[in-house]
Amino acid sequence: QVQLVESGGGLVQAGGSLRLSCAASGRIFAINVMGWYRQAPGKQRELVATMSSGGGTNYAESVKGRFTISRDNAKKTVWLQMNSLKPEDTAVYYCNGEISYRGSLTSHWGQGTQVTVSS
């Protein structure tokens, strides 16, 4: 079994900052890509930021320059530092990990953490 547990969501005023954390545990040999996605009410889930095990990053255009993804491979943890938050960043944020175990690569999701940005 694999678990991804997120923390750090909450309510913040526009212009403020939050830091999300996601820790993976369980039957894990290695984690390829770890990242963050979000889903606002009535909208599809969208990519926010991802980072490969080698450190390569990918960001949504809407968060470039404001959000920073980082990870610690040994701790199997990924963070998302969110600065200059806007009301349109309000969503449930989900952690995702591409996890390798016994020759298989599978995608796993966390339970989600709510981020609400007030204007």
C-alpha atoms as a PDB file:
ATOM      1  CA  GLN A   1       0.000   0.000   0.000  1.00  0.00           C
ATOM      2  CA  VAL A   2       1.087   3.555  -0.693  1.00  0.00           C
ATOM      3  CA  GLN A   3      -0.087   6.671   1.103  1.00  0.00           C
ATOM      4  CA  LEU A   4       0.395  10.302   0.184  1.00  0.00           C
ATOM      5  CA  VAL A   5      -0.502  12.612   3.037  1.00  0.00           C
ATOM      6  CA  GLU A   6      -0.851  16.328   2.430  1.00  0.00           C
ATOM      7  CA  SER A   7      -0.844  19.157   4.931  1.00  0.00           C
ATOM      8  CA  GLY A   8      -0.585  22.925   5.020  1.00  0.00           C
ATOM      9  CA  GLY A   9      -3.774  24.122   3.402  1.00  0.00           C
ATOM     10  CA  GLY A  10      -5.944  26.804   4.892  1.00  0.00           C
ATOM     11  CA  LEU A  11      -7.487  30.238   4.538  1.00  0.00           C
ATOM     12  CA  VAL A  12      -5.302  33.174   3.574  1.00  0.00           C
ATOM     13  CA  GLN A  13      -5.843  36.686   2.302  1.00  0.00           C
ATOM     14  CA  ALA A  14      -4.881  37.664  -1.209  1.00  0.00           C
ATOM     15  CA  GLY A  15      -1.187  38.410  -1.383  1.00  0.00           C
ATOM     16  CA  GLY A  16      -0.399  35.983   1.393  1.00  0.00           C
ATOM     17  CA  SER A  17       1.570  32.764   1.401  1.00  0.00           C
ATOM     18  CA  LEU A  18       1.049  29.107   2.239  1.00  0.00           C
ATOM     19  CA  ARG A  19       3.310  26.079   2.133  1.00  0.00           C
ATOM     20  CA  LEU A  20       1.908  22.671   1.302  1.00  0.00           C
ATOM     21  CA  SER A  21       3.643  19.433   2.217  1.00  0.00           C
ATOM     22  CA  CYS A  22       3.124  15.884   0.969  1.00  0.00           C
ATOM     23  CA  ALA A  23       4.826  12.838   2.435  1.00  0.00           C
ATOM     24  CA  ALA A  24       4.738   9.435   0.767  1.00  0.00           C
ATOM     25  CA  SER A  25       4.972   6.166   2.650  1.00  0.00           C
ATOM     26  CA  GLY A  26       4.437   2.458   2.129  1.00  0.00           C
ATOM     27  CA  ARG A  27       5.643   0.081  -0.576  1.00  0.00           C
ATOM     28  CA  ILE A  28       7.948   2.396  -2.461  1.00  0.00           C
ATOM     29  CA  PHE A  29      11.162   1.580  -4.261  1.00  0.00           C
ATOM     30  CA  ALA A  30      11.507   4.960  -5.895  1.00  0.00           C
ATOM     31  CA  ILE A  31       9.399   7.970  -6.797  1.00  0.00           C
ATOM     32  CA  ASN A  32       9.746   9.314 -10.313  1.00  0.00           C
ATOM     33  CA  VAL A  33       7.724  12.493 -10.657  1.00  0.00           C
ATOM     34  CA  MET A  34       6.041  14.155  -7.677  1.00  0.00           C
ATOM     35  CA  GLY A  35       3.766  17.062  -8.091  1.00  0.00           C
ATOM     36  CA  TRP A  36       0.763  19.147  -7.225  1.00  0.00           C
ATOM     37  CA  TYR A  37      -2.548  19.470  -8.990  1.00  0.00           C
ATOM     38  CA  ARG A  38      -5.614  21.479  -8.057  1.00  0.00           C
ATOM     39  CA  GLN A  39      -9.326  21.401  -8.664  1.00  0.00           C
ATOM     40  CA  ALA A  40     -11.594  24.375  -8.220  1.00  0.00           C
ATOM     41  CA  PRO A  41     -15.386  23.968  -7.902  1.00  0.00           C
ATOM     42  CA  GLY A  42     -16.932  23.203 -11.276  1.00  0.00           C
ATOM     43  CA  LYS A  43     -13.570  22.876 -12.988  1.00  0.00           C
ATOM     44  CA  GLN A  44     -11.328  20.024 -14.062  1.00  0.00           C
ATOM     45  CA  ARG A  45      -8.255  19.057 -12.108  1.00  0.00           C
ATOM     46  CA  GLU A  46      -5.226  20.875 -13.462  1.00  0.00           C
ATOM     47  CA  LEU A  47      -1.487  20.647 -13.112  1.00  0.00           C
ATOM     48  CA  VAL A  48       0.123  23.175 -10.797  1.00  0.00           C
ATOM     49  CA  ALA A  49       3.745  22.027 -10.610  1.00  0.00           C
ATOM     50  CA  THR A  50       5.778  18.845 -10.888  1.00  0.00           C
ATOM     51  CA  MET A  51       9.348  17.865 -10.147  1.00  0.00           C
ATOM     52  CA  SER A  52      11.265  14.829 -11.358  1.00  0.00           C
ATOM     53  CA  SER A  53      13.597  12.836  -9.156  1.00  0.00           C
ATOM     54  CA  GLY A  54      16.463  14.575 -10.931  1.00  0.00           C
ATOM     55  CA  GLY A  55      15.155  18.019 -10.095  1.00  0.00           C
ATOM     56  CA  GLY A  56      13.517  19.029 -13.349  1.00  0.00           C
ATOM     57  CA  THR A  57      10.449  21.182 -12.835  1.00  0.00           C
ATOM     58  CA  ASN A  58       7.288  22.041 -14.726  1.00  0.00           C
ATOM     59  CA  TYR A  59       4.875  24.813 -13.745  1.00  0.00           C
ATOM     60  CA  ALA A  60       1.498  25.984 -14.928  1.00  0.00           C
ATOM     61  CA  GLU A  61       1.774  29.398 -16.554  1.00  0.00           C
ATOM     62  CA  SER A  62      -0.646  30.840 -14.027  1.00  0.00           C
ATOM     63  CA  VAL A  63       1.676  30.109 -11.088  1.00  0.00           C
ATOM     64  CA  LYS A  64       5.096  30.766 -12.580  1.00  0.00           C
ATOM     65  CA  GLY A  65       7.038  33.242 -10.493  1.00  0.00           C
ATOM     66  CA  ARG A  66       4.713  32.811  -7.521  1.00  0.00           C
ATOM     67  CA  PHE A  67       4.881  29.104  -6.631  1.00  0.00           C
ATOM     68  CA  THR A  68       7.968  26.992  -6.027  1.00  0.00           C
ATOM     69  CA  ILE A  69       8.056  23.214  -5.870  1.00  0.00           C
ATOM     70  CA  SER A  70      10.777  21.338  -4.013  1.00  0.00           C
ATOM     71  CA  ARG A  71      11.332  17.787  -2.824  1.00  0.00           C
ATOM     72  CA  ASP A  72      13.531  15.609  -0.677  1.00  0.00           C
ATOM     73  CA  ASN A  73      13.958  12.212  -2.299  1.00  0.00           C
ATOM     74  CA  ALA A  74      15.290  10.589   0.865  1.00  0.00           C
ATOM     75  CA  LYS A  75      12.280  11.790   2.865  1.00  0.00           C
ATOM     76  CA  LYS A  76       9.871  11.016   0.012  1.00  0.00           C
ATOM     77  CA  THR A  77       8.398  14.459   0.534  1.00  0.00           C
ATOM     78  CA  VAL A  78       7.404  17.251  -1.802  1.00  0.00           C
ATOM     79  CA  TRP A  79       6.543  20.836  -0.904  1.00  0.00           C
ATOM     80  CA  LEU A  80       4.764  23.657  -2.684  1.00  0.00           C
ATOM     81  CA  GLN A  81       5.600  27.176  -1.550  1.00  0.00           C
ATOM     82  CA  MET A  82       2.817  29.487  -2.676  1.00  0.00           C
ATOM     83  CA  ASN A  83       3.412  33.223  -2.569  1.00  0.00           C
ATOM     84  CA  SER A  84       1.389  36.203  -3.783  1.00  0.00           C
ATOM     85  CA  LEU A  85      -1.752  34.114  -3.621  1.00  0.00           C
ATOM     86  CA  LYS A  86      -4.783  35.211  -5.587  1.00  0.00           C
ATOM     87  CA  PRO A  87      -8.475  34.382  -5.127  1.00  0.00           C
ATOM     88  CA  GLU A  88      -8.292  32.337  -8.327  1.00  0.00           C
ATOM     89  CA  ASP A  89      -5.810  30.013  -6.603  1.00  0.00           C
ATOM     90  CA  THR A  90      -8.665  28.788  -4.401  1.00  0.00           C
ATOM     91  CA  ALA A  91      -9.023  25.049  -4.927  1.00  0.00           C
ATOM     92  CA  VAL A  92      -8.444  21.643  -3.431  1.00  0.00           C
ATOM     93  CA  TYR A  93      -4.768  20.842  -3.940  1.00  0.00           C
ATOM     94  CA  TYR A  94      -3.782  17.239  -4.554  1.00  0.00           C
ATOM     95  CA  CYS A  95      -0.371  15.644  -4.304  1.00  0.00           C
ATOM     96  CA  ASN A  96       0.581  13.068  -6.915  1.00  0.00           C
ATOM     97  CA  GLY A  97       3.453  10.626  -7.090  1.00  0.00           C
ATOM     98  CA  GLU A  98       4.600   8.215  -9.806  1.00  0.00           C
ATOM     99  CA  ILE A  99       5.805   5.361  -7.655  1.00  0.00           C
ATOM    100  CA  SER A 100       7.974   2.442  -8.618  1.00  0.00           C
ATOM    101  CA  TYR A 101       7.740  -0.866  -6.766  1.00  0.00           C
ATOM    102  CA  ARG A 102       8.744  -4.337  -7.922  1.00  0.00           C
ATOM    103  CA  GLY A 103       9.022  -3.298 -11.544  1.00  0.00           C
ATOM    104  CA  SER A 104       5.691  -1.479 -11.701  1.00  0.00           C
ATOM    105  CA  LEU A 105       5.147   2.255 -12.013  1.00  0.00           C
ATOM    106  CA  THR A 106       1.832   3.513 -10.702  1.00  0.00           C
ATOM    107  CA  SER A 107       0.285   6.896 -10.035  1.00  0.00           C
ATOM    108  CA  HIS A 108      -0.973   7.685  -6.564  1.00  0.00           C
ATOM    109  CA  TRP A 109      -2.958  10.612  -5.180  1.00  0.00           C
ATOM    110  CA  GLY A 110      -3.284  12.198  -1.805  1.00  0.00           C
ATOM    111  CA  GLN A 111      -6.629  13.017  -0.240  1.00  0.00           C
ATOM    112  CA  GLY A 112      -6.383  16.716  -1.037  1.00  0.00           C
ATOM    113  CA  THR A 113      -6.044  19.843   1.048  1.00  0.00           C
ATOM    114  CA  GLN A 114      -8.224  22.930   0.725  1.00  0.00           C
ATOM    115  CA  VAL A 115      -6.646  26.268  -0.083  1.00  0.00           C
ATOM    116  CA  THR A 116      -8.924  29.288   0.126  1.00  0.00           C
ATOM    117  CA  VAL A 117      -7.729  32.767  -0.806  1.00  0.00           C
ATOM    118  CA  SER A 118      -9.988  35.639   0.200  1.00  0.00           C
ATOM    119  CA  SER A 119     -10.036  38.938  -1.634  1.00  0.00           C
END
